[in-house]
Protein backbone atom coordinates (compact mmCIF):
# COMPACT_ATOMS: atom_id res chain seq x y z
CA UNK A 1 4.28 11.16 -3.03
CA UNK A 2 2.52 12.82 -0.13
CA UNK A 3 -0.08 14.48 -2.37
CA UNK A 4 -0.72 11.29 -4.32
CA UNK A 5 -1.32 9.30 -1.14
CA UNK A 6 -3.76 11.93 0.11
CA UNK A 7 -5.68 11.91 -3.18
CA UNK A 8 -5.85 8.10 -3.11
CA UNK A 9 -7.12 8.15 0.47
CA UNK A 10 -9.81 10.69 -0.41
CA UNK A 11 -10.91 8.66 -3.43
CA UNK A 12 -10.90 5.46 -1.38
CA UNK A 13 -12.80 7.02 1.50
CA UNK A 14 -15.45 8.53 -0.74
CA UNK A 15 -15.80 5.26 -2.63
CA UNK A 16 -16.30 3.22 0.57
CA UNK A 17 -18.81 5.77 1.84
CA UNK A 18 -20.78 5.60 -1.40
CA UNK A 19 -20.61 1.80 -1.41
CA UNK A 20 -22.11 1.79 2.09
CA UNK A 21 -24.88 4.25 1.21
CA UNK A 22 -25.59 2.36 -2.01
CA UNK A 23 -25.89 -0.92 -0.13
CA UNK A 24 -28.33 0.66 2.32
CA UNK A 25 -30.43 1.86 -0.61
CA UNK A 26 -30.28 -1.49 -2.42
CA UNK A 27 -27.97 -0.52 -5.27
CA UNK A 28 -24.28 -0.42 -6.15
CA UNK A 29 -22.50 2.92 -5.97
CA UNK A 30 -18.92 1.73 -6.40
CA UNK A 31 -17.47 4.73 -8.21
CA UNK A 32 -14.14 3.04 -8.97
CA UNK A 33 -16.01 0.21 -10.66
CA UNK A 34 -18.25 2.65 -12.52
CA UNK A 35 -15.28 4.66 -13.83
CA UNK A 36 -12.94 1.77 -14.66
CA UNK A 37 -15.53 -0.74 -15.78
CA UNK A 38 -15.46 -4.46 -15.21
CA UNK A 39 -11.70 -5.03 -15.25
CA UNK A 40 -11.00 -7.03 -12.08
CA UNK A 41 -7.21 -6.71 -12.29
CA UNK A 42 -7.35 -2.93 -12.77
CA UNK A 43 -9.82 -2.59 -9.89
CA UNK A 44 -7.53 -4.68 -7.69
CA UNK A 45 -4.56 -2.47 -8.60
CA UNK A 46 -6.51 0.65 -7.60
CA UNK A 47 -7.56 -0.92 -4.30
CA UNK A 48 -3.98 -2.04 -3.56
CA UNK A 49 -2.75 1.50 -4.29
CA UNK A 50 -5.35 2.94 -1.90
CA UNK A 51 -4.24 0.45 0.76
CA UNK A 52 -0.58 1.30 0.16
CA UNK A 53 -1.41 5.00 0.52
CA UNK A 54 -3.06 4.28 3.86
CA UNK A 55 0.02 2.37 5.07
CA UNK A 56 2.25 5.22 3.86
CA UNK A 57 0.20 7.80 5.74
CA UNK A 58 0.07 5.64 8.89
CA UNK A 59 3.84 5.24 8.75
CA UNK A 60 4.19 9.00 8.38
CA UNK A 61 1.95 9.59 11.39
CA UNK A 62 3.85 7.04 13.47
CA UNK A 63 7.24 8.54 12.67
CA UNK A 64 6.07 12.13 13.30
CA UNK A 65 4.64 11.10 16.66
CA UNK A 66 7.92 9.51 17.66
CA UNK A 67 9.82 12.75 17.11
């Protein structure tokens, strides 16, 4: 679970970075959208999984800090 959340966070972070750079250059560089195509529900599932991975990692950080 730990490895999966880290992979999802890396994918999500790179995707957001590329979306930002693409917007600055006047184009769309959403890699998740490019790879998965125009399937709104599938894209939403990926984004929810990335968000869940972030919450999981934040929870892990909070509980390690409390120890």
